[in-house]
Amino acid sequence: MKTSELIFVGIKGSVIALDRATGQEAWSTSLKGMDFVNVILEDEKVLATCCGEIFCLEPTSGRVLWHNPLKGFGRGLATMATELNPGNCTWPALAQKHRSDEAASAAAASAAV
């Protein structure tokens, strides 16, 4: 399958490739944890961030080509920007993730009282 025939989805610590014509799963790769995954496709590579780490995947198989734990930067949300992907399309998803995290924290605080 060609890269142009796939849609890449980041969800719950995984990247999933779907067949653009049928919606069927072509492959999935678990990255780390169960957190928000930011994904971009550039230069025939899928770049994904999750739990404060970055992964480079081969787009037709999902095989991890390289991984950088970004040691020393924590486990927070990470965004990406490249020459072709300036990084401005993820803000709605990041805002929703922030709202979800705040609601979970508030619920945990209420339960502790």
N, C-alpha and C. Protein backbone atom coordinates (compact mmCIF):
# COMPACT_ATOMS: atom_id res chain seq x y z
N MET A 1 0.84 -1.17 0.00
CA MET A 1 0.00 0.00 0.00
C MET A 1 0.89 1.24 0.00
N LYS A 2 0.50 2.26 -0.75
CA LYS A 2 1.28 3.49 -0.83
C LYS A 2 0.86 4.45 0.29
N THR A 3 1.79 5.29 0.70
CA THR A 3 1.54 6.27 1.75
C THR A 3 0.33 7.15 1.40
N SER A 4 0.20 7.51 0.14
CA SER A 4 -0.91 8.37 -0.29
C SER A 4 -2.27 7.70 -0.13
N GLU A 5 -2.29 6.39 0.07
CA GLU A 5 -3.54 5.65 0.23
C GLU A 5 -3.93 5.49 1.70
N LEU A 6 -3.15 6.10 2.60
CA LEU A 6 -3.37 5.92 4.03
C LEU A 6 -3.74 7.22 4.74
N ILE A 7 -4.46 7.09 5.83
CA ILE A 7 -4.75 8.17 6.77
C ILE A 7 -4.13 7.75 8.09
N PHE A 8 -3.41 8.66 8.75
CA PHE A 8 -2.74 8.34 10.00
C PHE A 8 -3.46 9.00 11.16
N VAL A 9 -3.76 8.19 12.19
CA VAL A 9 -4.51 8.65 13.35
C VAL A 9 -3.68 8.40 14.60
N GLY A 10 -3.59 9.41 15.46
CA GLY A 10 -2.95 9.24 16.76
C GLY A 10 -4.03 9.17 17.82
N ILE A 11 -4.02 8.10 18.61
CA ILE A 11 -5.05 7.91 19.62
C ILE A 11 -4.53 7.02 20.74
N LYS A 12 -4.76 7.44 21.96
CA LYS A 12 -4.44 6.64 23.16
C LYS A 12 -3.09 5.94 23.09
N GLY A 13 -2.04 6.68 22.84
CA GLY A 13 -0.70 6.11 22.86
C GLY A 13 -0.33 5.28 21.65
N SER A 14 -1.12 5.33 20.58
CA SER A 14 -0.85 4.53 19.38
C SER A 14 -1.01 5.39 18.13
N VAL A 15 -0.36 4.93 17.06
CA VAL A 15 -0.61 5.48 15.73
C VAL A 15 -1.24 4.36 14.92
N ILE A 16 -2.30 4.70 14.21
CA ILE A 16 -3.03 3.73 13.40
C ILE A 16 -3.07 4.25 11.96
N ALA A 17 -2.83 3.38 11.01
CA ALA A 17 -2.95 3.73 9.60
C ALA A 17 -4.23 3.09 9.07
N LEU A 18 -5.05 3.91 8.43
CA LEU A 18 -6.30 3.43 7.84
C LEU A 18 -6.24 3.56 6.32
N ASP A 19 -6.82 2.59 5.65
CA ASP A 19 -6.95 2.65 4.20
C ASP A 19 -7.89 3.81 3.87
N ARG A 20 -7.42 4.76 3.10
CA ARG A 20 -8.20 5.95 2.76
C ARG A 20 -9.49 5.61 2.03
N ALA A 21 -9.51 4.55 1.24
CA ALA A 21 -10.69 4.20 0.45
C ALA A 21 -11.74 3.44 1.26
N THR A 22 -11.29 2.59 2.20
CA THR A 22 -12.23 1.72 2.90
C THR A 22 -12.37 2.01 4.39
N GLY A 23 -11.39 2.70 4.98
CA GLY A 23 -11.40 2.94 6.42
C GLY A 23 -10.88 1.76 7.22
N GLN A 24 -10.49 0.69 6.55
CA GLN A 24 -9.96 -0.49 7.24
C GLN A 24 -8.56 -0.22 7.77
N GLU A 25 -8.26 -0.81 8.93
CA GLU A 25 -6.95 -0.64 9.54
C GLU A 25 -5.88 -1.38 8.73
N ALA A 26 -4.83 -0.65 8.36
CA ALA A 26 -3.70 -1.25 7.65
C ALA A 26 -2.64 -1.73 8.64
N TRP A 27 -2.40 -0.93 9.68
CA TRP A 27 -1.48 -1.31 10.75
C TRP A 27 -1.71 -0.40 11.95
N SER A 28 -1.21 -0.84 13.11
CA SER A 28 -1.21 0.01 14.30
C SER A 28 0.09 -0.24 15.06
N THR A 29 0.59 0.81 15.67
CA THR A 29 1.82 0.73 16.44
C THR A 29 1.60 1.39 17.78
N SER A 30 1.81 0.65 18.85
CA SER A 30 1.73 1.23 20.20
C SER A 30 3.02 1.96 20.47
N LEU A 31 2.89 3.20 20.95
CA LEU A 31 4.07 4.01 21.23
C LEU A 31 4.43 3.95 22.70
N LYS A 32 3.56 4.55 23.52
CA LYS A 32 3.84 4.60 24.95
C LYS A 32 2.60 5.12 25.66
N GLY A 33 2.27 4.51 26.77
CA GLY A 33 1.18 5.02 27.60
C GLY A 33 -0.16 5.00 26.91
N MET A 34 -1.06 5.84 27.43
CA MET A 34 -2.41 5.95 26.89
C MET A 34 -2.76 7.42 26.70
N ASP A 35 -1.84 8.22 26.23
CA ASP A 35 -2.01 9.66 26.18
C ASP A 35 -2.25 10.15 24.75
N PHE A 36 -2.48 11.45 24.65
CA PHE A 36 -2.66 12.15 23.38
C PHE A 36 -1.46 11.89 22.47
N VAL A 37 -1.70 11.65 21.19
CA VAL A 37 -0.64 11.44 20.21
C VAL A 37 -0.77 12.49 19.12
N ASN A 38 0.29 13.24 18.92
CA ASN A 38 0.38 14.23 17.86
C ASN A 38 1.08 13.56 16.68
N VAL A 39 0.51 13.65 15.47
CA VAL A 39 1.05 12.95 14.30
C VAL A 39 1.16 13.90 13.12
N ILE A 40 2.30 13.82 12.42
CA ILE A 40 2.43 14.50 11.13
C ILE A 40 3.12 13.56 10.15
N LEU A 41 2.85 13.74 8.88
CA LEU A 41 3.48 12.98 7.81
C LEU A 41 4.33 13.94 7.01
N GLU A 42 5.61 13.59 6.87
CA GLU A 42 6.50 14.46 6.09
C GLU A 42 7.66 13.64 5.54
N ASP A 43 8.00 13.89 4.31
CA ASP A 43 9.15 13.22 3.67
C ASP A 43 9.08 11.71 3.82
N GLU A 44 7.89 11.14 3.61
CA GLU A 44 7.70 9.69 3.69
C GLU A 44 8.05 9.11 5.05
N LYS A 45 7.84 9.90 6.09
CA LYS A 45 8.01 9.44 7.47
C LYS A 45 6.82 9.94 8.28
N VAL A 46 6.35 9.11 9.23
CA VAL A 46 5.31 9.52 10.16
C VAL A 46 6.03 9.90 11.45
N LEU A 47 5.87 11.14 11.87
CA LEU A 47 6.45 11.61 13.13
C LEU A 47 5.32 11.69 14.14
N ALA A 48 5.57 11.16 15.33
CA ALA A 48 4.53 11.13 16.36
C ALA A 48 5.13 11.46 17.72
N THR A 49 4.41 12.26 18.50
CA THR A 49 4.83 12.52 19.88
C THR A 49 3.77 11.95 20.82
N CYS A 50 4.25 11.41 21.94
CA CYS A 50 3.37 10.84 22.94
C CYS A 50 4.12 10.80 24.27
N CYS A 51 3.48 11.23 25.34
CA CYS A 51 4.08 11.17 26.68
C CYS A 51 5.44 11.85 26.72
N GLY A 52 5.59 12.94 25.97
CA GLY A 52 6.84 13.69 25.99
C GLY A 52 7.98 13.06 25.22
N GLU A 53 7.68 12.10 24.35
CA GLU A 53 8.70 11.44 23.55
C GLU A 53 8.33 11.55 22.08
N ILE A 54 9.33 11.40 21.19
CA ILE A 54 9.06 11.47 19.75
C ILE A 54 9.48 10.17 19.08
N PHE A 55 8.68 9.76 18.09
CA PHE A 55 8.90 8.53 17.36
C PHE A 55 8.86 8.84 15.87
N CYS A 56 9.66 8.13 15.09
CA CYS A 56 9.62 8.21 13.63
C CYS A 56 9.23 6.82 13.13
N LEU A 57 8.13 6.75 12.36
CA LEU A 57 7.61 5.48 11.88
C LEU A 57 7.69 5.39 10.36
N GLU A 58 7.85 4.18 9.87
CA GLU A 58 7.79 3.92 8.45
C GLU A 58 6.31 3.90 8.08
N PRO A 59 5.86 4.72 7.12
CA PRO A 59 4.42 4.91 6.91
C PRO A 59 3.64 3.72 6.36
N THR A 60 4.27 2.80 5.66
CA THR A 60 3.49 1.69 5.12
C THR A 60 3.44 0.47 6.03
N SER A 61 4.30 0.45 7.07
CA SER A 61 4.30 -0.71 7.97
C SER A 61 4.09 -0.34 9.44
N GLY A 62 4.38 0.92 9.81
CA GLY A 62 4.30 1.32 11.20
C GLY A 62 5.54 0.98 12.00
N ARG A 63 6.55 0.42 11.35
CA ARG A 63 7.79 0.04 12.03
C ARG A 63 8.47 1.30 12.58
N VAL A 64 8.93 1.23 13.83
CA VAL A 64 9.62 2.36 14.45
C VAL A 64 11.02 2.44 13.85
N LEU A 65 11.31 3.57 13.19
CA LEU A 65 12.62 3.79 12.59
C LEU A 65 13.59 4.37 13.62
N TRP A 66 13.09 5.28 14.44
CA TRP A 66 13.87 5.80 15.55
C TRP A 66 12.95 6.36 16.61
N HIS A 67 13.51 6.53 17.79
CA HIS A 67 12.76 7.00 18.95
C HIS A 67 13.70 7.85 19.80
N ASN A 68 13.21 8.99 20.27
CA ASN A 68 14.00 9.85 21.16
C ASN A 68 13.13 10.14 22.37
N PRO A 69 13.57 9.72 23.58
CA PRO A 69 12.75 9.96 24.78
C PRO A 69 12.78 11.41 25.27
N LEU A 70 13.53 12.28 24.59
CA LEU A 70 13.62 13.69 24.97
C LEU A 70 13.90 13.81 26.48
N LYS A 71 14.86 13.03 26.90
CA LYS A 71 15.23 12.92 28.31
C LYS A 71 15.46 14.29 28.94
N GLY A 72 14.87 14.45 30.11
CA GLY A 72 15.03 15.68 30.87
C GLY A 72 13.96 16.73 30.61
N PHE A 73 13.03 16.46 29.70
CA PHE A 73 12.00 17.43 29.38
C PHE A 73 10.63 17.09 29.97
N GLY A 74 10.51 15.98 30.67
CA GLY A 74 9.23 15.61 31.28
C GLY A 74 8.36 14.83 30.32
N ARG A 75 7.13 14.57 30.80
CA ARG A 75 6.21 13.73 30.04
C ARG A 75 5.03 14.51 29.46
N GLY A 76 5.09 15.80 29.42
CA GLY A 76 3.97 16.60 28.96
C GLY A 76 3.70 16.48 27.47
N LEU A 77 2.70 17.22 27.03
CA LEU A 77 2.37 17.26 25.61
C LEU A 77 3.52 17.86 24.82
N ALA A 78 3.77 17.30 23.66
CA ALA A 78 4.81 17.82 22.78
C ALA A 78 4.18 18.09 21.42
N THR A 79 4.47 19.22 20.85
CA THR A 79 4.03 19.52 19.50
C THR A 79 5.24 19.52 18.59
N MET A 80 4.99 19.46 17.29
CA MET A 80 6.08 19.41 16.31
C MET A 80 5.86 20.48 15.27
N ALA A 81 6.96 20.95 14.71
CA ALA A 81 6.92 21.87 13.58
C ALA A 81 8.07 21.51 12.67
N THR A 82 7.80 21.44 11.38
CA THR A 82 8.82 21.20 10.38
C THR A 82 8.62 22.23 9.28
N GLU A 83 9.49 22.22 8.32
CA GLU A 83 9.36 23.19 7.23
C GLU A 83 8.02 23.06 6.51
N LEU A 84 7.58 21.84 6.27
CA LEU A 84 6.33 21.62 5.54
C LEU A 84 5.10 21.59 6.44
N ASN A 85 5.29 21.35 7.73
CA ASN A 85 4.20 21.28 8.70
C ASN A 85 4.52 22.26 9.83
N PRO A 86 4.06 23.50 9.72
CA PRO A 86 4.46 24.52 10.69
C PRO A 86 3.89 24.33 12.10
N GLY A 87 3.09 23.30 12.32
CA GLY A 87 2.64 22.99 13.66
C GLY A 87 1.44 23.76 14.15
N ASN A 88 0.67 24.38 13.27
CA ASN A 88 -0.46 25.20 13.71
C ASN A 88 -1.80 24.49 13.64
N CYS A 89 -1.84 23.22 13.24
CA CYS A 89 -3.14 22.55 13.08
C CYS A 89 -3.53 21.72 14.29
N THR A 90 -2.72 21.64 15.32
CA THR A 90 -3.02 20.76 16.46
C THR A 90 -3.66 21.50 17.62
N TRP A 91 -3.81 22.80 17.55
CA TRP A 91 -4.31 23.54 18.70
C TRP A 91 -5.69 23.11 19.18
N PRO A 92 -6.67 22.84 18.32
CA PRO A 92 -7.97 22.38 18.85
C PRO A 92 -7.84 21.08 19.63
N ALA A 93 -7.07 20.14 19.14
CA ALA A 93 -6.90 18.87 19.85
C ALA A 93 -6.17 19.07 21.16
N LEU A 94 -5.15 19.92 21.16
CA LEU A 94 -4.42 20.19 22.40
C LEU A 94 -5.30 20.89 23.42
N ALA A 95 -6.13 21.80 22.97
CA ALA A 95 -7.04 22.49 23.89
C ALA A 95 -8.02 21.50 24.52
N GLN A 96 -8.53 20.57 23.72
CA GLN A 96 -9.44 19.55 24.27
C GLN A 96 -8.71 18.67 25.27
N LYS A 97 -7.47 18.29 24.97
CA LYS A 97 -6.69 17.47 25.90
C LYS A 97 -6.48 18.22 27.21
N HIS A 98 -6.19 19.50 27.14
CA HIS A 98 -6.00 20.31 28.35
C HIS A 98 -7.28 20.36 29.17
N ARG A 99 -8.43 20.55 28.51
CA ARG A 99 -9.71 20.57 29.22
C ARG A 99 -9.98 19.22 29.89
N SER A 100 -9.70 18.13 29.20
CA SER A 100 -9.90 16.79 29.76
C SER A 100 -9.01 16.56 30.97
N ASP A 101 -7.76 16.98 30.88
CA ASP A 101 -6.83 16.83 32.00
C ASP A 101 -7.29 17.64 33.21
N GLU A 102 -7.76 18.86 32.97
CA GLU A 102 -8.25 19.70 34.06
C GLU A 102 -9.48 19.08 34.73
N ALA A 103 -10.38 18.54 33.93
CA ALA A 103 -11.59 17.90 34.48
C ALA A 103 -11.20 16.67 35.30
N ALA A 104 -10.25 15.90 34.84
CA ALA A 104 -9.81 14.71 35.59
C ALA A 104 -9.16 15.13 36.91
N SER A 105 -8.38 16.19 36.88
CA SER A 105 -7.74 16.67 38.11
C SER A 105 -8.77 17.17 39.10
N ALA A 106 -9.76 17.90 38.60
CA ALA A 106 -10.83 18.41 39.47
C ALA A 106 -11.63 17.25 40.08
N ALA A 107 -11.90 16.24 39.29
CA ALA A 107 -12.65 15.09 39.81
C ALA A 107 -11.84 14.35 40.88
N ALA A 108 -10.54 14.20 40.63
CA ALA A 108 -9.68 13.52 41.61
C ALA A 108 -9.60 14.32 42.90
N ALA A 109 -9.53 15.65 42.79
CA ALA A 109 -9.47 16.50 43.98
C ALA A 109 -10.77 16.42 44.78
N SER A 110 -11.91 16.38 44.09
CA SER A 110 -13.20 16.27 44.75
C SER A 110 -13.34 14.92 45.46
N ALA A 111 -12.87 13.88 44.84
CA ALA A 111 -12.95 12.53 45.42
C ALA A 111 -12.08 12.40 46.67
N ALA A 112 -10.99 13.17 46.72
CA ALA A 112 -10.05 13.10 47.83
C ALA A 112 -10.57 13.83 49.08
N VAL A 113 -11.55 14.71 48.88
CA VAL A 113 -12.06 15.50 50.01
C VAL A 113 -13.04 14.71 50.83
